[in-house]
């Protein structure tokens, strides 16, 4: 954050040449971009944690629980098959979400760089 402020000359004060007497717009814009960067990082960290937990949950079901249930009761096979298909669908949805989040962040990073 300090490097970003230093690189921009803190924004405020530059328009008049006197520190503390400039327009706050550039500094506020910089602070907003830094806040958005933090929000993107937080969203990414939250999403990654949820996805890891979901992947672990599904792995345990697919590799252990579903096998044991099939062995214990063959009548559960159609239900377990459907759950496995849903797991595959969810992987596709998570991949799509991840791609959209990356595009959103890239777009906003490029947009902020143009300011």
PDB file of N, CA and C in Angstrom:
ATOM      1  N   UNK A   1       0.825  -1.168   0.000  1.00  0.00           N
ATOM      2  CA  UNK A   1       0.000   0.000   0.000  1.00  0.00           C
ATOM      3  C   UNK A   1       0.881   1.248   0.000  1.00  0.00           C
ATOM      4  N   UNK A   2       1.925   1.222   0.810  1.00  0.00           N
ATOM      5  CA  UNK A   2       2.811   2.393   0.867  1.00  0.00           C
ATOM      6  C   UNK A   2       3.489   2.632  -0.475  1.00  0.00           C
ATOM      7  N   UNK A   3       3.909   1.521  -1.119  1.00  0.00           N
ATOM      8  CA  UNK A   3       4.546   1.669  -2.420  1.00  0.00           C
ATOM      9  C   UNK A   3       3.579   2.262  -3.443  1.00  0.00           C
ATOM     10  N   UNK A   4       2.328   1.799  -3.401  1.00  0.00           N
ATOM     11  CA  UNK A   4       1.330   2.312  -4.341  1.00  0.00           C
ATOM     12  C   UNK A   4       1.101   3.804  -4.120  1.00  0.00           C
ATOM     13  N   UNK A   5       1.011   4.215  -2.857  1.00  0.00           N
ATOM     14  CA  UNK A   5       0.826   5.640  -2.565  1.00  0.00           C
ATOM     15  C   UNK A   5       2.041   6.457  -2.984  1.00  0.00           C
ATOM     16  N   UNK A   6       3.233   5.932  -2.703  1.00  0.00           N
ATOM     17  CA  UNK A   6       4.449   6.645  -3.068  1.00  0.00           C
ATOM     18  C   UNK A   6       4.574   6.769  -4.577  1.00  0.00           C
ATOM     19  N   UNK A   7       4.207   5.706  -5.294  1.00  0.00           N
ATOM     20  CA  UNK A   7       4.291   5.725  -6.753  1.00  0.00           C
ATOM     21  C   UNK A   7       3.360   6.765  -7.350  1.00  0.00           C
ATOM     22  N   UNK A   8       2.270   7.003  -6.705  1.00  0.00           N
ATOM     23  CA  UNK A   8       1.306   7.991  -7.188  1.00  0.00           C
ATOM     24  C   UNK A   8       1.523   9.367  -6.568  1.00  0.00           C
ATOM     25  N   UNK A   9       2.512   9.480  -5.714  1.00  0.00           N
ATOM     26  CA  UNK A   9       2.739  10.753  -5.051  1.00  0.00           C
ATOM     27  C   UNK A   9       1.590  11.101  -4.128  1.00  0.00           C
ATOM     28  N   UNK A  10       0.897  10.089  -3.663  1.00  0.00           N
ATOM     29  CA  UNK A  10      -0.260  10.203  -2.779  1.00  0.00           C
ATOM     30  C   UNK A  10      -1.424  10.926  -3.426  1.00  0.00           C
ATOM     31  N   UNK A  11      -1.273  11.364  -4.666  1.00  0.00           N
ATOM     32  CA  UNK A  11      -2.403  11.971  -5.384  1.00  0.00           C
ATOM     33  C   UNK A  11      -2.722  13.372  -4.917  1.00  0.00           C
ATOM     34  N   UNK A  12      -3.132  13.525  -3.694  1.00  0.00           N
ATOM     35  CA  UNK A  12      -3.528  14.837  -3.168  1.00  0.00           C
ATOM     36  C   UNK A  12      -2.305  15.724  -3.024  1.00  0.00           C
ATOM     37  N   UNK A  13      -2.487  16.991  -3.239  1.00  0.00           N
ATOM     38  CA  UNK A  13      -1.391  17.934  -3.073  1.00  0.00           C
ATOM     39  C   UNK A  13      -0.626  18.186  -4.348  1.00  0.00           C
ATOM     40  N   UNK A  14      -0.684  17.322  -5.286  1.00  0.00           N
ATOM     41  CA  UNK A  14       0.073  17.485  -6.524  1.00  0.00           C
ATOM     42  C   UNK A  14      -0.510  18.555  -7.429  1.00  0.00           C
ATOM     43  N   UNK A  15      -1.814  18.757  -7.357  1.00  0.00           N
ATOM     44  CA  UNK A  15      -2.429  19.693  -8.298  1.00  0.00           C
ATOM     45  C   UNK A  15      -2.092  21.138  -7.991  1.00  0.00           C
ATOM     46  N   UNK A  16      -1.775  21.481  -6.757  1.00  0.00           N
ATOM     47  CA  UNK A  16      -1.452  22.871  -6.413  1.00  0.00           C
ATOM     48  C   UNK A  16       0.005  23.043  -6.043  1.00  0.00           C
ATOM     49  N   UNK A  17       0.711  21.904  -5.843  1.00  0.00           N
ATOM     50  CA  UNK A  17       2.103  21.999  -5.449  1.00  0.00           C
ATOM     51  C   UNK A  17       2.289  22.174  -3.954  1.00  0.00           C
ATOM     52  N   UNK A  18       1.228  22.336  -3.204  1.00  0.00           N
ATOM     53  CA  UNK A  18       1.327  22.502  -1.752  1.00  0.00           C
ATOM     54  C   UNK A  18       0.672  21.313  -1.080  1.00  0.00           C
ATOM     55  N   UNK A  19       1.439  20.588  -0.285  1.00  0.00           N
ATOM     56  CA  UNK A  19       0.922  19.410   0.397  1.00  0.00           C
ATOM     57  C   UNK A  19      -0.257  19.790   1.277  1.00  0.00           C
ATOM     58  N   UNK A  20      -1.314  19.014   1.204  1.00  0.00           N
ATOM     59  CA  UNK A  20      -2.490  19.261   2.027  1.00  0.00           C
ATOM     60  C   UNK A  20      -3.466  20.239   1.432  1.00  0.00           C
ATOM     61  N   UNK A  21      -3.124  20.825   0.298  1.00  0.00           N
ATOM     62  CA  UNK A  21      -3.995  21.821  -0.306  1.00  0.00           C
ATOM     63  C   UNK A  21      -4.448  21.427  -1.713  1.00  0.00           C
ATOM     64  N   UNK A  22      -4.277  20.175  -2.059  1.00  0.00           N
ATOM     65  CA  UNK A  22      -4.652  19.724  -3.392  1.00  0.00           C
ATOM     66  C   UNK A  22      -6.057  19.172  -3.413  1.00  0.00           C
ATOM     67  N   UNK A  23      -6.400  18.603  -4.528  1.00  0.00           N
ATOM     68  CA  UNK A  23      -7.716  17.992  -4.678  1.00  0.00           C
ATOM     69  C   UNK A  23      -7.661  16.548  -4.190  1.00  0.00           C
ATOM     70  N   UNK A  24      -8.652  16.107  -3.448  1.00  0.00           N
ATOM     71  CA  UNK A  24      -8.607  14.746  -2.881  1.00  0.00           C
ATOM     72  C   UNK A  24      -8.957  13.655  -3.892  1.00  0.00           C
ATOM     73  N   UNK A  25      -9.451  14.020  -5.048  1.00  0.00           N
ATOM     74  CA  UNK A  25      -9.907  13.029  -6.027  1.00  0.00           C
ATOM     75  C   UNK A  25      -8.893  11.948  -6.368  1.00  0.00           C
ATOM     76  N   UNK A  26      -7.666  12.321  -6.768  1.00  0.00           N
ATOM     77  CA  UNK A  26      -6.688  11.283  -7.123  1.00  0.00           C
ATOM     78  C   UNK A  26      -6.361  10.336  -5.964  1.00  0.00           C
ATOM     79  N   UNK A  27      -6.215  10.882  -4.763  1.00  0.00           N
ATOM     80  CA  UNK A  27      -5.912  10.027  -3.608  1.00  0.00           C
ATOM     81  C   UNK A  27      -7.085   9.113  -3.294  1.00  0.00           C
ATOM     82  N   UNK A  28      -8.293   9.639  -3.373  1.00  0.00           N
ATOM     83  CA  UNK A  28      -9.484   8.811  -3.104  1.00  0.00           C
ATOM     84  C   UNK A  28      -9.621   7.708  -4.150  1.00  0.00           C
ATOM     85  N   UNK A  29      -9.315   8.040  -5.396  1.00  0.00           N
ATOM     86  CA  UNK A  29      -9.376   7.047  -6.461  1.00  0.00           C
ATOM     87  C   UNK A  29      -8.371   5.920  -6.210  1.00  0.00           C
ATOM     88  N   UNK A  30      -7.167   6.292  -5.813  1.00  0.00           N
ATOM     89  CA  UNK A  30      -6.140   5.297  -5.511  1.00  0.00           C
ATOM     90  C   UNK A  30      -6.559   4.418  -4.340  1.00  0.00           C
ATOM     91  N   UNK A  31      -7.072   5.027  -3.295  1.00  0.00           N
ATOM     92  CA  UNK A  31      -7.523   4.242  -2.138  1.00  0.00           C
ATOM     93  C   UNK A  31      -8.664   3.300  -2.518  1.00  0.00           C
ATOM     94  N   UNK A  32      -9.554   3.743  -3.385  1.00  0.00           N
ATOM     95  CA  UNK A  32     -10.650   2.896  -3.845  1.00  0.00           C
ATOM     96  C   UNK A  32     -10.108   1.691  -4.614  1.00  0.00           C
ATOM     97  N   UNK A  33      -9.137   1.926  -5.492  1.00  0.00           N
ATOM     98  CA  UNK A  33      -8.557   0.813  -6.256  1.00  0.00           C
ATOM     99  C   UNK A  33      -7.864  -0.171  -5.329  1.00  0.00           C
ATOM    100  N   UNK A  34      -7.180   0.337  -4.320  1.00  0.00           N
ATOM    101  CA  UNK A  34      -6.505  -0.552  -3.368  1.00  0.00           C
ATOM    102  C   UNK A  34      -7.532  -1.350  -2.570  1.00  0.00           C
ATOM    103  N   UNK A  35      -8.652  -0.723  -2.209  1.00  0.00           N
ATOM    104  CA  UNK A  35      -9.707  -1.430  -1.483  1.00  0.00           C
ATOM    105  C   UNK A  35     -10.307  -2.521  -2.368  1.00  0.00           C
ATOM    106  N   UNK A  36     -10.512  -2.210  -3.646  1.00  0.00           N
ATOM    107  CA  UNK A  36     -11.055  -3.214  -4.562  1.00  0.00           C
ATOM    108  C   UNK A  36     -10.084  -4.376  -4.718  1.00  0.00           C
ATOM    109  N   UNK A  37      -8.798  -4.092  -4.777  1.00  0.00           N
ATOM    110  CA  UNK A  37      -7.795  -5.153  -4.869  1.00  0.00           C
ATOM    111  C   UNK A  37      -7.900  -6.066  -3.645  1.00  0.00           C
ATOM    112  N   UNK A  38      -8.069  -5.471  -2.465  1.00  0.00           N
ATOM    113  CA  UNK A  38      -8.222  -6.264  -1.242  1.00  0.00           C
ATOM    114  C   UNK A  38      -9.510  -7.079  -1.292  1.00  0.00           C
ATOM    115  N   UNK A  39     -10.587  -6.474  -1.803  1.00  0.00           N
ATOM    116  CA  UNK A  39     -11.858  -7.208  -1.922  1.00  0.00           C
ATOM    117  C   UNK A  39     -11.710  -8.393  -2.865  1.00  0.00           C
ATOM    118  N   UNK A  40     -11.017  -8.199  -3.990  1.00  0.00           N
ATOM    119  CA  UNK A  40     -10.805  -9.304  -4.929  1.00  0.00           C
ATOM    120  C   UNK A  40      -9.997 -10.411  -4.274  1.00  0.00           C
ATOM    121  N   UNK A  41      -8.958 -10.023  -3.528  1.00  0.00           N
ATOM    122  CA  UNK A  41      -8.141 -11.019  -2.840  1.00  0.00           C
ATOM    123  C   UNK A  41      -9.003 -11.787  -1.840  1.00  0.00           C
ATOM    124  N   UNK A  42      -9.824 -11.081  -1.069  1.00  0.00           N
ATOM    125  CA  UNK A  42     -10.686 -11.731  -0.071  1.00  0.00           C
ATOM    126  C   UNK A  42     -11.678 -12.673  -0.746  1.00  0.00           C
ATOM    127  N   UNK A  43     -12.286 -12.225  -1.837  1.00  0.00           N
ATOM    128  CA  UNK A  43     -13.222 -13.070  -2.574  1.00  0.00           C
ATOM    129  C   UNK A  43     -12.509 -14.314  -3.091  1.00  0.00           C
ATOM    130  N   UNK A  44     -11.332 -14.139  -3.654  1.00  0.00           N
ATOM    131  CA  UNK A  44     -10.569 -15.279  -4.166  1.00  0.00           C
ATOM    132  C   UNK A  44     -10.201 -16.263  -3.068  1.00  0.00           C
ATOM    133  N   UNK A  45      -9.775 -15.748  -1.926  1.00  0.00           N
ATOM    134  CA  UNK A  45      -9.403 -16.623  -0.812  1.00  0.00           C
ATOM    135  C   UNK A  45     -10.619 -17.380  -0.277  1.00  0.00           C
ATOM    136  N   UNK A  46     -11.745 -16.680  -0.146  1.00  0.00           N
ATOM    137  CA  UNK A  46     -12.977 -17.313   0.327  1.00  0.00           C
ATOM    138  C   UNK A  46     -13.438 -18.392  -0.649  1.00  0.00           C
ATOM    139  N   UNK A  47     -13.450 -18.053  -1.925  1.00  0.00           N
ATOM    140  CA  UNK A  47     -13.897 -18.992  -2.953  1.00  0.00           C
ATOM    141  C   UNK A  47     -12.974 -20.212  -3.002  1.00  0.00           C
ATOM    142  N   UNK A  48     -11.673 -19.979  -2.939  1.00  0.00           N
ATOM    143  CA  UNK A  48     -10.720 -21.094  -2.973  1.00  0.00           C
ATOM    144  C   UNK A  48     -10.922 -22.019  -1.781  1.00  0.00           C
ATOM    145  N   UNK A  49     -11.167 -21.460  -0.612  1.00  0.00           N
ATOM    146  CA  UNK A  49     -11.397 -22.276   0.587  1.00  0.00           C
ATOM    147  C   UNK A  49     -12.655 -23.115   0.428  1.00  0.00           C
ATOM    148  N   UNK A  50     -13.734 -22.495  -0.026  1.00  0.00           N
ATOM    149  CA  UNK A  50     -14.991 -23.233  -0.225  1.00  0.00           C
ATOM    150  C   UNK A  50     -14.818 -24.336  -1.256  1.00  0.00           C
ATOM    151  N   UNK A  51     -14.140 -24.031  -2.336  1.00  0.00           N
ATOM    152  CA  UNK A  51     -13.937 -25.027  -3.389  1.00  0.00           C
ATOM    153  C   UNK A  51     -13.081 -26.193  -2.900  1.00  0.00           C
ATOM    154  N   UNK A  52     -12.046 -25.908  -2.112  1.00  0.00           N
ATOM    155  CA  UNK A  52     -11.224 -26.980  -1.547  1.00  0.00           C
ATOM    156  C   UNK A  52     -12.044 -27.876  -0.636  1.00  0.00           C
ATOM    157  N   UNK A  53     -12.859 -27.253   0.217  1.00  0.00           N
ATOM    158  CA  UNK A  53     -13.694 -28.038   1.132  1.00  0.00           C
ATOM    159  C   UNK A  53     -14.698 -28.896   0.365  1.00  0.00           C
ATOM    160  N   UNK A  54     -15.311 -28.329  -0.651  1.00  0.00           N
ATOM    161  CA  UNK A  54     -16.277 -29.070  -1.455  1.00  0.00           C
ATOM    162  C   UNK A  54     -15.589 -30.215  -2.204  1.00  0.00           C
ATOM    163  N   UNK A  55     -14.416 -29.953  -2.764  1.00  0.00           N
ATOM    164  CA  UNK A  55     -13.682 -31.001  -3.478  1.00  0.00           C
ATOM    165  C   UNK A  55     -13.299 -32.136  -2.535  1.00  0.00           C
ATOM    166  N   UNK A  56     -12.860 -31.804  -1.339  1.00  0.00           N
ATOM    167  CA  UNK A  56     -12.508 -32.833  -0.347  1.00  0.00           C
ATOM    168  C   UNK A  56     -13.740 -33.636   0.044  1.00  0.00           C
ATOM    169  N   UNK A  57     -14.849 -32.957   0.277  1.00  0.00           N
ATOM    170  CA  UNK A  57     -16.109 -33.599   0.632  1.00  0.00           C
ATOM    171  C   UNK A  57     -16.522 -34.592  -0.465  1.00  0.00           C
ATOM    172  N   UNK A  58     -16.485 -34.151  -1.719  1.00  0.00           N
ATOM    173  CA  UNK A  58     -16.892 -35.019  -2.827  1.00  0.00           C
ATOM    174  C   UNK A  58     -15.921 -36.170  -3.029  1.00  0.00           C
ATOM    175  N   UNK A  59     -14.634 -35.920  -2.846  1.00  0.00           N
ATOM    176  CA  UNK A  59     -13.640 -36.985  -2.969  1.00  0.00           C
ATOM    177  C   UNK A  59     -13.902 -38.088  -1.947  1.00  0.00           C
ATOM    178  N   UNK A  60     -14.176 -37.694  -0.713  1.00  0.00           N
ATOM    179  CA  UNK A  60     -14.476 -38.686   0.327  1.00  0.00           C
ATOM    180  C   UNK A  60     -15.723 -39.489  -0.018  1.00  0.00           C
ATOM    181  N   UNK A  61     -16.727 -38.811  -0.529  1.00  0.00           N
ATOM    182  CA  UNK A  61     -17.945 -39.520  -0.927  1.00  0.00           C
ATOM    183  C   UNK A  61     -17.668 -40.474  -2.081  1.00  0.00           C
ATOM    184  N   UNK A  62     -17.013 -39.959  -3.123  1.00  0.00           N
ATOM    185  CA  UNK A  62     -16.769 -40.757  -4.325  1.00  0.00           C
ATOM    186  C   UNK A  62     -15.844 -41.945  -4.064  1.00  0.00           C
ATOM    187  N   UNK A  63     -14.800 -41.730  -3.302  1.00  0.00           N
ATOM    188  CA  UNK A  63     -13.796 -42.771  -3.107  1.00  0.00           C
ATOM    189  C   UNK A  63     -14.104 -43.748  -1.976  1.00  0.00           C
ATOM    190  N   UNK A  64     -14.872 -43.340  -1.014  1.00  0.00           N
ATOM    191  CA  UNK A  64     -15.094 -44.218   0.138  1.00  0.00           C
ATOM    192  C   UNK A  64     -16.569 -44.505   0.388  1.00  0.00           C
ATOM    193  N   UNK A  65     -17.312 -43.479   0.665  1.00  0.00           N
ATOM    194  CA  UNK A  65     -18.684 -43.673   1.118  1.00  0.00           C
ATOM    195  C   UNK A  65     -19.571 -44.335   0.064  1.00  0.00           C
ATOM    196  N   UNK A  66     -19.507 -43.861  -1.171  1.00  0.00           N
ATOM    197  CA  UNK A  66     -20.378 -44.418  -2.209  1.00  0.00           C
ATOM    198  C   UNK A  66     -20.072 -45.895  -2.457  1.00  0.00           C
ATOM    199  N   UNK A  67     -18.801 -46.261  -2.448  1.00  0.00           N
ATOM    200  CA  UNK A  67     -18.426 -47.681  -2.629  1.00  0.00           C
ATOM    201  C   UNK A  67     -19.019 -48.549  -1.535  1.00  0.00           C
ATOM    202  N   UNK A  68     -18.874 -48.085  -0.314  1.00  0.00           N
ATOM    203  CA  UNK A  68     -19.398 -48.861   0.821  1.00  0.00           C
ATOM    204  C   UNK A  68     -20.915 -48.972   0.745  1.00  0.00           C
ATOM    205  N   UNK A  69     -21.566 -47.886   0.369  1.00  0.00           N
ATOM    206  CA  UNK A  69     -23.029 -47.925   0.259  1.00  0.00           C
ATOM    207  C   UNK A  69     -23.476 -48.874  -0.860  1.00  0.00           C
ATOM    208  N   UNK A  70     -22.761 -48.873  -1.988  1.00  0.00           N
ATOM    209  CA  UNK A  70     -23.101 -49.789  -3.092  1.00  0.00           C
ATOM    210  C   UNK A  70     -22.933 -51.243  -2.661  1.00  0.00           C
ATOM    211  N   UNK A  71     -21.865 -51.477  -1.941  1.00  0.00           N
ATOM    212  CA  UNK A  71     -21.612 -52.850  -1.467  1.00  0.00           C
ATOM    213  C   UNK A  71     -22.682 -53.276  -0.476  1.00  0.00           C
ATOM    214  N   UNK A  72     -23.086 -52.369   0.382  1.00  0.00           N
ATOM    215  CA  UNK A  72     -24.076 -52.693   1.416  1.00  0.00           C
ATOM    216  C   UNK A  72     -25.478 -52.843   0.846  1.00  0.00           C
ATOM    217  N   UNK A  73     -25.809 -52.037  -0.177  1.00  0.00           N
ATOM    218  CA  UNK A  73     -27.179 -52.072  -0.705  1.00  0.00           C
ATOM    219  C   UNK A  73     -27.161 -51.716  -2.191  1.00  0.00           C
ATOM    220  N   UNK A  74     -27.267 -52.731  -3.041  1.00  0.00           N
ATOM    221  CA  UNK A  74     -27.250 -52.534  -4.497  1.00  0.00           C
ATOM    222  C   UNK A  74     -28.403 -51.653  -4.985  1.00  0.00           C
ATOM    223  N   UNK A  75     -29.488 -51.588  -4.244  1.00  0.00           N
ATOM    224  CA  UNK A  75     -30.623 -50.751  -4.646  1.00  0.00           C
ATOM    225  C   UNK A  75     -30.286 -49.254  -4.622  1.00  0.00           C
ATOM    226  N   UNK A  76     -29.203 -48.898  -3.965  1.00  0.00           N
ATOM    227  CA  UNK A  76     -28.783 -47.494  -3.907  1.00  0.00           C
ATOM    228  C   UNK A  76     -28.001 -47.056  -5.147  1.00  0.00           C
ATOM    229  N   UNK A  77     -27.654 -47.999  -6.003  1.00  0.00           N
ATOM    230  CA  UNK A  77     -26.816 -47.686  -7.174  1.00  0.00           C
ATOM    231  C   UNK A  77     -27.353 -46.547  -8.032  1.00  0.00           C
ATOM    232  N   UNK A  78     -28.643 -46.517  -8.385  1.00  0.00           N
ATOM    233  CA  UNK A  78     -29.123 -45.392  -9.211  1.00  0.00           C
ATOM    234  C   UNK A  78     -28.975 -44.036  -8.513  1.00  0.00           C
ATOM    235  N   UNK A  79     -29.221 -44.011  -7.230  1.00  0.00           N
ATOM    236  CA  UNK A  79     -29.091 -42.760  -6.472  1.00  0.00           C
ATOM    237  C   UNK A  79     -27.634 -42.333  -6.411  1.00  0.00           C
ATOM    238  N   UNK A  80     -26.766 -43.276  -6.155  1.00  0.00           N
ATOM    239  CA  UNK A  80     -25.341 -42.965  -6.076  1.00  0.00           C
ATOM    240  C   UNK A  80     -24.796 -42.530  -7.434  1.00  0.00           C
ATOM    241  N   UNK A  81     -25.286 -43.153  -8.494  1.00  0.00           N
ATOM    242  CA  UNK A  81     -24.890 -42.750  -9.845  1.00  0.00           C
ATOM    243  C   UNK A  81     -25.283 -41.295 -10.098  1.00  0.00           C
ATOM    244  N   UNK A  82     -26.484 -40.947  -9.694  1.00  0.00           N
ATOM    245  CA  UNK A  82     -26.945 -39.557  -9.877  1.00  0.00           C
ATOM    246  C   UNK A  82     -26.077 -38.590  -9.066  1.00  0.00           C
ATOM    247  N   UNK A  83     -25.743 -38.946  -7.852  1.00  0.00           N
ATOM    248  CA  UNK A  83     -24.885 -38.080  -7.035  1.00  0.00           C
ATOM    249  C   UNK A  83     -23.513 -37.915  -7.672  1.00  0.00           C
ATOM    250  N   UNK A  84     -22.963 -38.973  -8.229  1.00  0.00           N
ATOM    251  CA  UNK A  84     -21.663 -38.873  -8.904  1.00  0.00           C
ATOM    252  C   UNK A  84     -21.764 -37.949 -10.122  1.00  0.00           C
ATOM    253  N   UNK A  85     -22.853 -38.046 -10.860  1.00  0.00           N
ATOM    254  CA  UNK A  85     -23.059 -37.148 -12.000  1.00  0.00           C
ATOM    255  C   UNK A  85     -23.175 -35.701 -11.542  1.00  0.00           C
ATOM    256  N   UNK A  86     -23.851 -35.486 -10.432  1.00  0.00           N
ATOM    257  CA  UNK A  86     -23.967 -34.129  -9.889  1.00  0.00           C
ATOM    258  C   UNK A  86     -22.601 -33.588  -9.462  1.00  0.00           C
ATOM    259  N   UNK A  87     -21.757 -34.469  -8.933  1.00  0.00           N
ATOM    260  CA  UNK A  87     -20.406 -34.036  -8.559  1.00  0.00           C
ATOM    261  C   UNK A  87     -19.663 -33.537  -9.796  1.00  0.00           C
ATOM    262  N   UNK A  88     -19.796 -34.242 -10.909  1.00  0.00           N
ATOM    263  CA  UNK A  88     -19.142 -33.822 -12.152  1.00  0.00           C
ATOM    264  C   UNK A  88     -19.707 -32.488 -12.639  1.00  0.00           C
ATOM    265  N   UNK A  89     -21.010 -32.327 -12.533  1.00  0.00           N
ATOM    266  CA  UNK A  89     -21.653 -31.069 -12.921  1.00  0.00           C
ATOM    267  C   UNK A  89     -21.119 -29.916 -12.069  1.00  0.00           C
ATOM    268  N   UNK A  90     -20.988 -30.151 -10.791  1.00  0.00           N
ATOM    269  CA  UNK A  90     -20.505 -29.110  -9.873  1.00  0.00           C
ATOM    270  C   UNK A  90     -19.067 -28.719 -10.209  1.00  0.00           C
ATOM    271  N   UNK A  91     -18.239 -29.690 -10.591  1.00  0.00           N
ATOM    272  CA  UNK A  91     -16.863 -29.374 -11.004  1.00  0.00           C
ATOM    273  C   UNK A  91     -16.892 -28.416 -12.191  1.00  0.00           C
ATOM    274  N   UNK A  92     -17.773 -28.682 -13.148  1.00  0.00           N
ATOM    275  CA  UNK A  92     -17.901 -27.795 -14.304  1.00  0.00           C
ATOM    276  C   UNK A  92     -18.361 -26.401 -13.913  1.00  0.00           C
ATOM    277  N   UNK A  93     -19.309 -26.318 -12.994  1.00  0.00           N
ATOM    278  CA  UNK A  93     -19.808 -25.011 -12.539  1.00  0.00           C
ATOM    279  C   UNK A  93     -18.721 -24.227 -11.804  1.00  0.00           C
ATOM    280  N   UNK A  94     -17.949 -24.912 -10.984  1.00  0.00           N
ATOM    281  CA  UNK A  94     -16.869 -24.249 -10.251  1.00  0.00           C
ATOM    282  C   UNK A  94     -15.803 -23.749 -11.230  1.00  0.00           C
ATOM    283  N   UNK A  95     -15.489 -24.551 -12.234  1.00  0.00           N
ATOM    284  CA  UNK A  95     -14.515 -24.136 -13.247  1.00  0.00           C
ATOM    285  C   UNK A  95     -15.011 -22.893 -13.986  1.00  0.00           C
ATOM    286  N   UNK A  96     -16.281 -22.883 -14.349  1.00  0.00           N
ATOM    287  CA  UNK A  96     -16.876 -21.728 -15.032  1.00  0.00           C
ATOM    288  C   UNK A  96     -16.840 -20.495 -14.135  1.00  0.00           C
ATOM    289  N   UNK A  97     -17.201 -20.656 -12.873  1.00  0.00           N
ATOM    290  CA  UNK A  97     -17.164 -19.550 -11.920  1.00  0.00           C
ATOM    291  C   UNK A  97     -15.749 -19.000 -11.792  1.00  0.00           C
ATOM    292  N   UNK A  98     -14.777 -19.887 -11.685  1.00  0.00           N
ATOM    293  CA  UNK A  98     -13.390 -19.468 -11.562  1.00  0.00           C
ATOM    294  C   UNK A  98     -12.957 -18.652 -12.772  1.00  0.00           C
ATOM    295  N   UNK A  99     -13.305 -19.116 -13.970  1.00  0.00           N
ATOM    296  CA  UNK A  99     -12.942 -18.387 -15.186  1.00  0.00           C
ATOM    297  C   UNK A  99     -13.588 -17.003 -15.219  1.00  0.00           C
ATOM    298  N   UNK A 100     -14.841 -16.915 -14.793  1.00  0.00           N
ATOM    299  CA  UNK A 100     -15.530 -15.620 -14.779  1.00  0.00           C
ATOM    300  C   UNK A 100     -14.918 -14.674 -13.741  1.00  0.00           C
ATOM    301  N   UNK A 101     -14.535 -15.209 -12.596  1.00  0.00           N
ATOM    302  CA  UNK A 101     -13.896 -14.365 -11.579  1.00  0.00           C
ATOM    303  C   UNK A 101     -12.557 -13.836 -12.076  1.00  0.00           C
ATOM    304  N   UNK A 102     -11.792 -14.687 -12.737  1.00  0.00           N
ATOM    305  CA  UNK A 102     -10.498 -14.249 -13.277  1.00  0.00           C
ATOM    306  C   UNK A 102     -10.713 -13.148 -14.303  1.00  0.00           C
ATOM    307  N   UNK A 103     -11.684 -13.321 -15.204  1.00  0.00           N
ATOM    308  CA  UNK A 103     -11.968 -12.282 -16.213  1.00  0.00           C
ATOM    309  C   UNK A 103     -12.425 -10.985 -15.551  1.00  0.00           C
ATOM    310  N   UNK A 104     -13.258 -11.080 -14.519  1.00  0.00           N
ATOM    311  CA  UNK A 104     -13.737  -9.888 -13.826  1.00  0.00           C
ATOM    312  C   UNK A 104     -12.565  -9.123 -13.208  1.00  0.00           C
ATOM    313  N   UNK A 105     -11.678  -9.842 -12.555  1.00  0.00           N
ATOM    314  CA  UNK A 105     -10.542  -9.191 -11.900  1.00  0.00           C
ATOM    315  C   UNK A 105      -9.598  -8.601 -12.939  1.00  0.00           C
ATOM    316  N   UNK A 106      -9.311  -9.363 -14.005  1.00  0.00           N
ATOM    317  CA  UNK A 106      -8.436  -8.838 -15.050  1.00  0.00           C
ATOM    318  C   UNK A 106      -9.023  -7.579 -15.672  1.00  0.00           C
ATOM    319  N   UNK A 107     -10.319  -7.578 -15.945  1.00  0.00           N
ATOM    320  CA  UNK A 107     -10.977  -6.412 -16.523  1.00  0.00           C
ATOM    321  C   UNK A 107     -10.831  -5.205 -15.612  1.00  0.00           C
ATOM    322  N   UNK A 108     -11.087  -5.400 -14.326  1.00  0.00           N
ATOM    323  CA  UNK A 108     -11.028  -4.276 -13.397  1.00  0.00           C
ATOM    324  C   UNK A 108      -9.614  -3.817 -13.123  1.00  0.00           C
ATOM    325  N   UNK A 109      -8.640  -4.719 -13.185  1.00  0.00           N
ATOM    326  CA  UNK A 109      -7.241  -4.318 -13.018  1.00  0.00           C
ATOM    327  C   UNK A 109      -6.827  -3.457 -14.200  1.00  0.00           C
ATOM    328  N   UNK A 110      -7.192  -3.885 -15.418  1.00  0.00           N
ATOM    329  CA  UNK A 110      -6.857  -3.095 -16.600  1.00  0.00           C
ATOM    330  C   UNK A 110      -7.599  -1.755 -16.592  1.00  0.00           C
ATOM    331  N   UNK A 111      -8.839  -1.784 -16.170  1.00  0.00           N
ATOM    332  CA  UNK A 111      -9.647  -0.555 -16.089  1.00  0.00           C
ATOM    333  C   UNK A 111      -9.026   0.420 -15.090  1.00  0.00           C
ATOM    334  N   UNK A 112      -8.591  -0.109 -13.936  1.00  0.00           N
ATOM    335  CA  UNK A 112      -7.978   0.747 -12.912  1.00  0.00           C
ATOM    336  C   UNK A 112      -6.637   1.311 -13.402  1.00  0.00           C
ATOM    337  N   UNK A 113      -5.906   0.538 -14.194  1.00  0.00           N
ATOM    338  CA  UNK A 113      -4.624   1.005 -14.695  1.00  0.00           C
ATOM    339  C   UNK A 113      -4.807   2.176 -15.663  1.00  0.00           C
ATOM    340  N   UNK A 114      -5.964   2.238 -16.296  1.00  0.00           N
ATOM    341  CA  UNK A 114      -6.235   3.325 -17.241  1.00  0.00           C
ATOM    342  C   UNK A 114      -6.596   4.633 -16.540  1.00  0.00           C
ATOM    343  N   UNK A 115      -6.914   4.568 -15.256  1.00  0.00           N
ATOM    344  CA  UNK A 115      -7.304   5.785 -14.531  1.00  0.00           C
ATOM    345  C   UNK A 115      -6.134   6.691 -14.249  1.00  0.00           C
TER     346      UNK A 115
END
